[in-house]
């Protein structure tokens, strides 16, 4: 599968990667979810070229993840503001960070602390079933609508569903 064809793929994971699968796009999203809105702030935090930041921000605007809001006329300057589509990526980024803290820990840094604004408590993100509210665990999910050949492709060597 070619990278430029992911957006048209039948697989929803491939289509999501077409938007946020690039490392710079994912890190821009991470920073935006933490409140960054200005080009210069994205550039300073990422440490990559200005051209790369500009390109990725433009792509994320085109994908509807950000919208531009002018804050200066001369020269024209804009804030990059997350749309509903962009904010909806927040739980994905949070779960990626949680996965990394579990499986790729750094001895020199402590895990991220997350406080739920509604209850004020520190928490760890957990995926729960929308119906029974129980945690969804690896190996406890099946995909009944997949054709048998595709279902086999989603099963790992130990027989657990992805």
Protein backbone atom coordinates (compact mmCIF):
# COMPACT_ATOMS: atom_id res chain seq x y z
CA UNK A 1 0.00 0.00 0.00
CA UNK A 2 1.37 3.42 -0.94
CA UNK A 3 1.39 6.22 1.64
CA UNK A 4 -0.51 8.58 -0.68
CA UNK A 5 -3.33 6.03 -1.04
CA UNK A 6 -4.11 5.57 2.66
CA UNK A 7 -6.97 8.09 2.61
CA UNK A 8 -8.85 5.89 0.13
CA UNK A 9 -8.25 2.56 1.89
CA UNK A 10 -11.10 0.43 3.28
CA UNK A 11 -9.29 0.15 6.62
CA UNK A 12 -10.22 2.92 9.10
CA UNK A 13 -6.78 2.73 10.72
CA UNK A 14 -5.14 3.42 7.35
CA UNK A 15 -7.45 6.40 6.76
CA UNK A 16 -6.64 7.82 10.22
CA UNK A 17 -2.92 7.42 9.52
CA UNK A 18 -3.38 9.42 6.32
CA UNK A 19 -4.17 12.39 8.58
CA UNK A 20 -2.01 11.92 11.69
CA UNK A 21 0.41 9.11 10.80
CA UNK A 22 3.37 11.37 10.08
CA UNK A 23 5.56 12.03 13.13
CA UNK A 24 5.46 15.82 12.74
CA UNK A 25 1.69 15.87 12.32
CA UNK A 26 1.25 13.77 15.48
CA UNK A 27 3.59 16.02 17.47
CA UNK A 28 1.88 19.16 16.20
CA UNK A 29 -1.42 17.64 17.32
CA UNK A 30 0.09 16.79 20.73
CA UNK A 31 1.17 20.40 21.19
CA UNK A 32 -2.14 21.81 19.97
CA UNK A 33 -3.99 19.64 22.48
CA UNK A 34 -1.80 21.24 25.16
CA UNK A 35 -2.80 24.74 24.04
CA UNK A 36 -0.24 25.75 21.38
CA UNK A 37 -1.82 27.77 18.54
CA UNK A 38 0.97 29.87 17.00
CA UNK A 39 3.32 28.84 14.21
CA UNK A 40 6.42 30.08 16.03
CA UNK A 41 5.49 28.09 19.15
CA UNK A 42 5.00 24.89 17.13
CA UNK A 43 8.35 25.50 15.43
CA UNK A 44 10.18 26.16 18.70
CA UNK A 45 8.75 23.05 20.40
CA UNK A 46 9.37 20.67 17.49
CA UNK A 47 12.87 21.70 16.48
CA UNK A 48 12.35 20.83 12.82
CA UNK A 49 12.53 23.20 9.86
CA UNK A 50 10.04 26.03 9.44
CA UNK A 51 9.18 24.56 6.02
CA UNK A 52 8.23 21.22 7.63
CA UNK A 53 6.05 22.90 10.26
CA UNK A 54 4.35 25.02 7.58
CA UNK A 55 3.74 22.01 5.36
CA UNK A 56 2.27 19.86 8.15
CA UNK A 57 0.09 22.68 9.49
CA UNK A 58 -1.24 23.33 5.98
CA UNK A 59 -2.05 19.63 5.56
CA UNK A 60 -3.84 19.54 8.92
CA UNK A 61 -5.85 22.60 7.95
CA UNK A 62 -6.74 20.92 4.63
CA UNK A 63 -7.84 17.80 6.57
CA UNK A 64 -10.11 19.87 8.82
CA UNK A 65 -8.08 19.26 11.99
CA UNK A 66 -7.31 22.99 12.38
CA UNK A 67 -8.97 26.17 11.26
CA UNK A 68 -7.13 29.44 10.81
CA UNK A 69 -8.10 32.50 12.85
CA UNK A 70 -6.44 35.80 12.02
CA UNK A 71 -4.85 37.61 14.95
CA UNK A 72 -2.82 40.17 12.98
CA UNK A 73 -3.39 41.90 9.64
CA UNK A 74 0.05 43.33 8.77
CA UNK A 75 1.77 41.03 8.18
CA UNK A 76 -1.07 38.50 8.12
CA UNK A 77 -0.75 35.99 10.96
CA UNK A 78 -3.06 33.25 12.14
CA UNK A 79 -3.70 31.04 15.11
CA UNK A 80 -4.13 27.35 14.34
CA UNK A 81 -7.26 26.42 16.29
CA UNK A 82 -8.37 22.82 16.69
CA UNK A 83 -11.74 22.03 15.16
CA UNK A 84 -14.16 19.49 16.63
CA UNK A 85 -12.48 16.95 14.33
CA UNK A 86 -9.07 17.89 15.77
CA UNK A 87 -10.19 17.86 19.41
CA UNK A 88 -11.71 14.40 18.84
CA UNK A 89 -8.14 13.13 18.28
CA UNK A 90 -7.28 13.99 21.90
CA UNK A 91 -8.14 10.57 23.37
CA UNK A 92 -6.02 8.88 20.68
CA UNK A 93 -2.98 10.98 21.56
CA UNK A 94 -3.63 10.37 25.27
CA UNK A 95 -3.78 6.60 24.74
CA UNK A 96 -0.58 6.73 22.66
CA UNK A 97 1.17 8.47 25.55
CA UNK A 98 -0.21 5.92 28.02
CA UNK A 99 1.03 3.06 25.82
CA UNK A 100 4.48 4.64 25.63
CA UNK A 101 4.63 5.15 29.40
CA UNK A 102 3.84 1.45 29.87
CA UNK A 103 5.93 -0.12 27.12
CA UNK A 104 8.65 2.46 26.41
CA UNK A 105 9.32 4.11 29.79
CA UNK A 106 12.12 6.62 30.21
CA UNK A 107 14.08 6.37 33.45
CA UNK A 108 14.88 10.07 33.39
CA UNK A 109 11.25 11.23 33.25
CA UNK A 110 8.17 10.53 35.28
CA UNK A 111 4.82 9.54 33.71
CA UNK A 112 2.46 12.29 32.65
CA UNK A 113 -0.01 13.34 35.29
CA UNK A 114 -3.53 13.86 34.00
CA UNK A 115 -6.23 15.60 35.98
CA UNK A 116 -9.88 15.23 35.02
CA UNK A 117 -11.32 18.76 35.06
CA UNK A 118 -14.82 17.58 36.02
CA UNK A 119 -13.92 15.67 39.20
CA UNK A 120 -10.45 17.07 39.92
CA UNK A 121 -8.87 13.61 40.24
CA UNK A 122 -5.64 12.37 38.67
CA UNK A 123 -6.38 9.50 36.28
CA UNK A 124 -5.01 7.05 33.74
CA UNK A 125 -6.88 6.80 30.41
CA UNK A 126 -8.89 3.60 29.96
CA UNK A 127 -10.88 2.46 26.94
CA UNK A 128 -14.35 1.28 28.00
CA UNK A 129 -17.21 -0.40 26.17
CA UNK A 130 -19.92 2.09 25.21
CA UNK A 131 -22.61 -0.44 26.19
CA UNK A 132 -21.55 -2.10 29.45
CA UNK A 133 -18.92 0.48 30.57
CA UNK A 134 -16.41 -2.31 31.33
CA UNK A 135 -12.76 -1.82 30.31
CA UNK A 136 -11.93 -3.10 26.84
CA UNK A 137 -8.86 -5.32 27.04
CA UNK A 138 -6.61 -6.77 24.32
CA UNK A 139 -7.88 -10.10 23.10
CA UNK A 140 -11.45 -9.36 24.21
CA UNK A 141 -12.60 -7.74 20.95
CA UNK A 142 -13.88 -9.40 17.80
CA UNK A 143 -14.95 -8.02 14.44
CA UNK A 144 -18.04 -9.99 13.35
CA UNK A 145 -18.63 -7.99 10.14
CA UNK A 146 -15.22 -8.70 8.65
CA UNK A 147 -15.08 -11.26 5.88
CA UNK A 148 -13.40 -14.48 7.09
CA UNK A 149 -10.20 -13.76 5.14
CA UNK A 150 -9.88 -10.28 6.68
CA UNK A 151 -10.82 -11.61 10.13
CA UNK A 152 -7.89 -14.05 9.99
CA UNK A 153 -5.58 -11.18 9.08
CA UNK A 154 -6.55 -9.32 12.28
CA UNK A 155 -5.78 -12.27 14.54
CA UNK A 156 -2.29 -12.51 15.96
CA UNK A 157 -0.27 -15.69 16.39
CA UNK A 158 -1.79 -16.44 19.80
CA UNK A 159 -5.34 -16.29 18.49
CA UNK A 160 -6.19 -12.95 20.08
CA UNK A 161 -8.18 -10.40 18.16
CA UNK A 162 -6.59 -7.05 17.51
